[in-house]
Amino acid sequence: MGISKNPKKLSKTPKVVCFTANIEEFLSHPHASKPIYGCIFSDQVAMNASLLKASLFVHTKTGIPTDEKLFNSNLMTAVGGHNFNGKELLDYKSQVAIPMKALAQYELLKRIENEFDSKVITPIIEKNKDNFILFSIINTRKFKP
């Protein structure tokens, strides 16, 4: 995946690269730790279509926004990363059913949300229950080492 030229806009072909990290390799006193999953998105809109609803539910306790309110929010291009512990995402998934259908103008964003949920979040939860950490960032020069 190349570095995003305009990370605040939805890429023509949104992409995400997910990986696992072993933090014990960097600690001087390794102990049983949670698996860590990282996801790097091609752009902010794809990342936030995938995770902003869960983030608002978990971190703000304001409830679940409608697609219209969420996808029209300035948060779609303001939030630059997400982090969750497994229990938070498990609680979210147990209380929130993500509807498959959306208004025509939100179909692409809804498809991104549903695909990320089914291909990434659900398998991680099935494998680890609530014992994991997940974080995401966007792929820009800002985050290049």
C-alpha atoms as a PDB file:
ATOM      1  CA  MET A   1       0.000   0.000   0.000  1.00  0.00           C
ATOM      2  CA  GLY A   2       1.435   3.357  -0.994  1.00  0.00           C
ATOM      3  CA  ILE A   3       1.425   6.378   1.256  1.00  0.00           C
ATOM      4  CA  SER A   4      -1.798   8.371   1.013  1.00  0.00           C
ATOM      5  CA  LYS A   5      -1.559  11.613  -0.914  1.00  0.00           C
ATOM      6  CA  ASN A   6      -4.879  12.898   0.420  1.00  0.00           C
ATOM      7  CA  PRO A   7      -5.697  10.934   3.582  1.00  0.00           C
ATOM      8  CA  LYS A   8      -8.823  12.915   4.430  1.00  0.00           C
ATOM      9  CA  LYS A   9     -10.657  11.702   1.307  1.00  0.00           C
ATOM     10  CA  LEU A  10     -11.885   8.224   0.558  1.00  0.00           C
ATOM     11  CA  SER A  11      -9.414   6.449  -1.704  1.00  0.00           C
ATOM     12  CA  LYS A  12     -10.613   5.201  -5.065  1.00  0.00           C
ATOM     13  CA  THR A  13      -9.889   1.699  -3.790  1.00  0.00           C
ATOM     14  CA  PRO A  14      -9.788   1.827   0.019  1.00  0.00           C
ATOM     15  CA  LYS A  15      -7.331  -0.612   1.571  1.00  0.00           C
ATOM     16  CA  VAL A  16      -6.328  -1.829   4.985  1.00  0.00           C
ATOM     17  CA  VAL A  17      -3.332  -3.863   6.082  1.00  0.00           C
ATOM     18  CA  CYS A  18      -3.742  -5.655   9.396  1.00  0.00           C
ATOM     19  CA  PHE A  19      -1.031  -7.430  11.365  1.00  0.00           C
ATOM     20  CA  THR A  20      -0.262  -8.873  14.764  1.00  0.00           C
ATOM     21  CA  ALA A  21       2.467  -7.515  16.990  1.00  0.00           C
ATOM     22  CA  ASN A  22       4.336  -9.213  19.801  1.00  0.00           C
ATOM     23  CA  ILE A  23       5.061  -6.575  22.443  1.00  0.00           C
ATOM     24  CA  GLU A  24       7.013  -9.101  24.536  1.00  0.00           C
ATOM     25  CA  GLU A  25       9.872  -8.777  22.037  1.00  0.00           C
ATOM     26  CA  PHE A  26      10.313  -5.168  23.215  1.00  0.00           C
ATOM     27  CA  LEU A  27       9.880  -5.694  26.956  1.00  0.00           C
ATOM     28  CA  SER A  28      12.738  -6.562  29.284  1.00  0.00           C
ATOM     29  CA  HIS A  29      10.392  -8.567  31.526  1.00  0.00           C
ATOM     30  CA  PRO A  30       8.097 -10.598  29.259  1.00  0.00           C
ATOM     31  CA  HIS A  31       4.935 -12.028  30.726  1.00  0.00           C
ATOM     32  CA  ALA A  32       1.691 -13.359  29.350  1.00  0.00           C
ATOM     33  CA  SER A  33       0.282 -10.446  27.411  1.00  0.00           C
ATOM     34  CA  LYS A  34      -2.678  -9.879  25.159  1.00  0.00           C
ATOM     35  CA  PRO A  35      -2.332 -10.346  21.419  1.00  0.00           C
ATOM     36  CA  ILE A  36      -2.046  -6.970  19.687  1.00  0.00           C
ATOM     37  CA  TYR A  37      -3.643  -6.352  16.298  1.00  0.00           C
ATOM     38  CA  GLY A  38      -2.788  -3.280  14.267  1.00  0.00           C
ATOM     39  CA  CYS A  39      -4.503  -1.978  11.149  1.00  0.00           C
ATOM     40  CA  ILE A  40      -3.129   0.645   8.771  1.00  0.00           C
ATOM     41  CA  PHE A  41      -5.782   2.173   6.508  1.00  0.00           C
ATOM     42  CA  SER A  42      -5.309   3.877   3.154  1.00  0.00           C
ATOM     43  CA  ASP A  43      -7.267   6.902   4.378  1.00  0.00           C
ATOM     44  CA  GLN A  44      -9.131   8.425   7.292  1.00  0.00           C
ATOM     45  CA  VAL A  45     -12.597   7.982   5.798  1.00  0.00           C
ATOM     46  CA  ALA A  46     -12.127   4.229   5.273  1.00  0.00           C
ATOM     47  CA  MET A  47     -10.742   3.860   8.809  1.00  0.00           C
ATOM     48  CA  ASN A  48     -13.532   5.861  10.378  1.00  0.00           C
ATOM     49  CA  ALA A  49     -16.244   4.143   8.326  1.00  0.00           C
ATOM     50  CA  SER A  50     -14.869   0.912   9.818  1.00  0.00           C
ATOM     51  CA  LEU A  51     -14.342   1.913  13.436  1.00  0.00           C
ATOM     52  CA  LEU A  52     -15.828   5.316  14.345  1.00  0.00           C
ATOM     53  CA  LYS A  53     -19.231   3.918  15.344  1.00  0.00           C
ATOM     54  CA  ALA A  54     -17.577   1.436  17.725  1.00  0.00           C
ATOM     55  CA  SER A  55     -15.274   4.153  19.025  1.00  0.00           C
ATOM     56  CA  LEU A  56     -18.127   6.521  19.804  1.00  0.00           C
ATOM     57  CA  PHE A  57     -20.012   3.721  21.548  1.00  0.00           C
ATOM     58  CA  VAL A  58     -17.003   2.666  23.608  1.00  0.00           C
ATOM     59  CA  HIS A  59     -15.262   5.947  24.372  1.00  0.00           C
ATOM     60  CA  THR A  60     -18.016   8.539  24.588  1.00  0.00           C
ATOM     61  CA  LYS A  61     -20.960   6.546  25.935  1.00  0.00           C
ATOM     62  CA  THR A  62     -23.264   8.689  23.762  1.00  0.00           C
ATOM     63  CA  GLY A  63     -24.914   5.726  22.133  1.00  0.00           C
ATOM     64  CA  ILE A  64     -24.927   4.700  18.501  1.00  0.00           C
ATOM     65  CA  PRO A  65     -25.233   7.465  15.922  1.00  0.00           C
ATOM     66  CA  THR A  66     -27.333   6.938  12.828  1.00  0.00           C
ATOM     67  CA  ASP A  67     -25.449   6.399   9.577  1.00  0.00           C
ATOM     68  CA  GLU A  68     -26.513   9.854   8.427  1.00  0.00           C
ATOM     69  CA  LYS A  69     -25.201  11.535  11.577  1.00  0.00           C
ATOM     70  CA  LEU A  70     -22.018   9.459  11.632  1.00  0.00           C
ATOM     71  CA  PHE A  71     -21.054   9.603   7.967  1.00  0.00           C
ATOM     72  CA  ASN A  72     -21.786  13.346   7.732  1.00  0.00           C
ATOM     73  CA  SER A  73     -19.844  14.102  10.915  1.00  0.00           C
ATOM     74  CA  ASN A  74     -16.626  16.102  10.787  1.00  0.00           C
ATOM     75  CA  LEU A  75     -15.192  13.272  12.890  1.00  0.00           C
ATOM     76  CA  MET A  76     -14.892  11.229   9.688  1.00  0.00           C
ATOM     77  CA  THR A  77     -11.901  13.419   8.724  1.00  0.00           C
ATOM     78  CA  ALA A  78     -10.810  14.511  12.197  1.00  0.00           C
ATOM     79  CA  VAL A  79     -10.127  11.242  14.027  1.00  0.00           C
ATOM     80  CA  GLY A  80      -6.669   9.926  13.134  1.00  0.00           C
ATOM     81  CA  GLY A  81      -6.642   6.589  14.960  1.00  0.00           C
ATOM     82  CA  HIS A  82      -8.562   4.190  17.169  1.00  0.00           C
ATOM     83  CA  ASN A  83      -7.627   1.878  20.005  1.00  0.00           C
ATOM     84  CA  PHE A  84      -9.692  -0.728  21.836  1.00  0.00           C
ATOM     85  CA  ASN A  85      -9.176  -3.493  24.306  1.00  0.00           C
ATOM     86  CA  GLY A  86     -10.957  -6.719  23.461  1.00  0.00           C
ATOM     87  CA  LYS A  87     -13.607  -6.362  26.141  1.00  0.00           C
ATOM     88  CA  GLU A  88     -14.724  -3.027  24.693  1.00  0.00           C
ATOM     89  CA  LEU A  89     -15.199  -4.451  21.200  1.00  0.00           C
ATOM     90  CA  LEU A  90     -16.863  -7.594  22.539  1.00  0.00           C
ATOM     91  CA  ASP A  91     -19.320  -5.428  24.513  1.00  0.00           C
ATOM     92  CA  TYR A  92     -19.984  -3.295  21.443  1.00  0.00           C
ATOM     93  CA  LYS A  93     -20.588  -6.343  19.240  1.00  0.00           C
ATOM     94  CA  SER A  94     -22.895  -7.923  21.823  1.00  0.00           C
ATOM     95  CA  GLN A  95     -25.050  -4.796  22.124  1.00  0.00           C
ATOM     96  CA  VAL A  96     -25.002  -3.390  18.600  1.00  0.00           C
ATOM     97  CA  ALA A  97     -26.171  -5.037  15.409  1.00  0.00           C
ATOM     98  CA  ILE A  98     -24.699  -3.257  12.397  1.00  0.00           C
ATOM     99  CA  PRO A  99     -27.464  -3.040   9.798  1.00  0.00           C
ATOM    100  CA  MET A 100     -26.456  -4.199   6.341  1.00  0.00           C
ATOM    101  CA  LYS A 101     -28.539  -1.710   4.385  1.00  0.00           C
ATOM    102  CA  ALA A 102     -27.980   2.013   4.169  1.00  0.00           C
ATOM    103  CA  LEU A 103     -29.315   4.990   2.318  1.00  0.00           C
ATOM    104  CA  ALA A 104     -27.924   5.114  -1.218  1.00  0.00           C
ATOM    105  CA  GLN A 105     -25.411   7.885  -0.434  1.00  0.00           C
ATOM    106  CA  TYR A 106     -23.904   5.797   2.406  1.00  0.00           C
ATOM    107  CA  GLU A 107     -23.800   2.389   0.679  1.00  0.00           C
ATOM    108  CA  LEU A 108     -20.036   2.455   0.082  1.00  0.00           C
ATOM    109  CA  LEU A 109     -19.239   3.528   3.663  1.00  0.00           C
ATOM    110  CA  LYS A 110     -21.651   0.928   5.040  1.00  0.00           C
ATOM    111  CA  ARG A 111     -20.032  -1.766   2.873  1.00  0.00           C
ATOM    112  CA  ILE A 112     -16.610  -0.768   4.253  1.00  0.00           C
ATOM    113  CA  GLU A 113     -17.955  -0.953   7.819  1.00  0.00           C
ATOM    114  CA  ASN A 114     -19.568  -4.361   7.289  1.00  0.00           C
ATOM    115  CA  GLU A 115     -16.585  -5.837   5.446  1.00  0.00           C
ATOM    116  CA  PHE A 116     -14.125  -4.741   8.121  1.00  0.00           C
ATOM    117  CA  ASP A 117     -16.414  -6.117  10.816  1.00  0.00           C
ATOM    118  CA  SER A 118     -16.838  -9.504   9.133  1.00  0.00           C
ATOM    119  CA  LYS A 119     -13.252  -9.947   7.891  1.00  0.00           C
ATOM    120  CA  VAL A 120     -11.290  -8.447  10.781  1.00  0.00           C
ATOM    121  CA  ILE A 121     -13.195  -7.771  14.008  1.00  0.00           C
ATOM    122  CA  THR A 122     -15.394 -10.875  14.117  1.00  0.00           C
ATOM    123  CA  PRO A 123     -12.521 -13.342  13.465  1.00  0.00           C
ATOM    124  CA  ILE A 124     -10.345 -11.638  16.103  1.00  0.00           C
ATOM    125  CA  ILE A 125     -13.167 -11.865  18.665  1.00  0.00           C
ATOM    126  CA  GLU A 126     -13.904 -15.489  17.737  1.00  0.00           C
ATOM    127  CA  LYS A 127     -10.232 -16.369  18.223  1.00  0.00           C
ATOM    128  CA  ASN A 128      -9.508 -14.322  21.361  1.00  0.00           C
ATOM    129  CA  LYS A 129     -12.888 -13.529  22.999  1.00  0.00           C
ATOM    130  CA  ASP A 130     -12.051 -10.348  24.959  1.00  0.00           C
ATOM    131  CA  ASN A 131      -8.332 -10.957  25.388  1.00  0.00           C
ATOM    132  CA  PHE A 132      -6.715  -8.674  22.785  1.00  0.00           C
ATOM    133  CA  ILE A 133      -5.850  -5.098  21.876  1.00  0.00           C
ATOM    134  CA  LEU A 134      -6.694  -3.527  18.493  1.00  0.00           C
ATOM    135  CA  PHE A 135      -5.439  -0.213  17.150  1.00  0.00           C
ATOM    136  CA  SER A 136      -5.655   1.568  13.820  1.00  0.00           C
ATOM    137  CA  ILE A 137      -3.949   4.475  12.079  1.00  0.00           C
ATOM    138  CA  ILE A 138      -3.936   5.983   8.603  1.00  0.00           C
ATOM    139  CA  ASN A 139      -1.079   5.535   6.151  1.00  0.00           C
ATOM    140  CA  THR A 140       0.452   8.975   5.698  1.00  0.00           C
ATOM    141  CA  ARG A 141       3.899  10.522   5.758  1.00  0.00           C
ATOM    142  CA  LYS A 142       2.941  11.901   9.158  1.00  0.00           C
ATOM    143  CA  PHE A 143       3.272   8.377  10.596  1.00  0.00           C
ATOM    144  CA  LYS A 144       6.255   7.270   8.488  1.00  0.00           C
ATOM    145  CA  PRO A 145       9.237   6.257  10.674  1.00  0.00           C
END
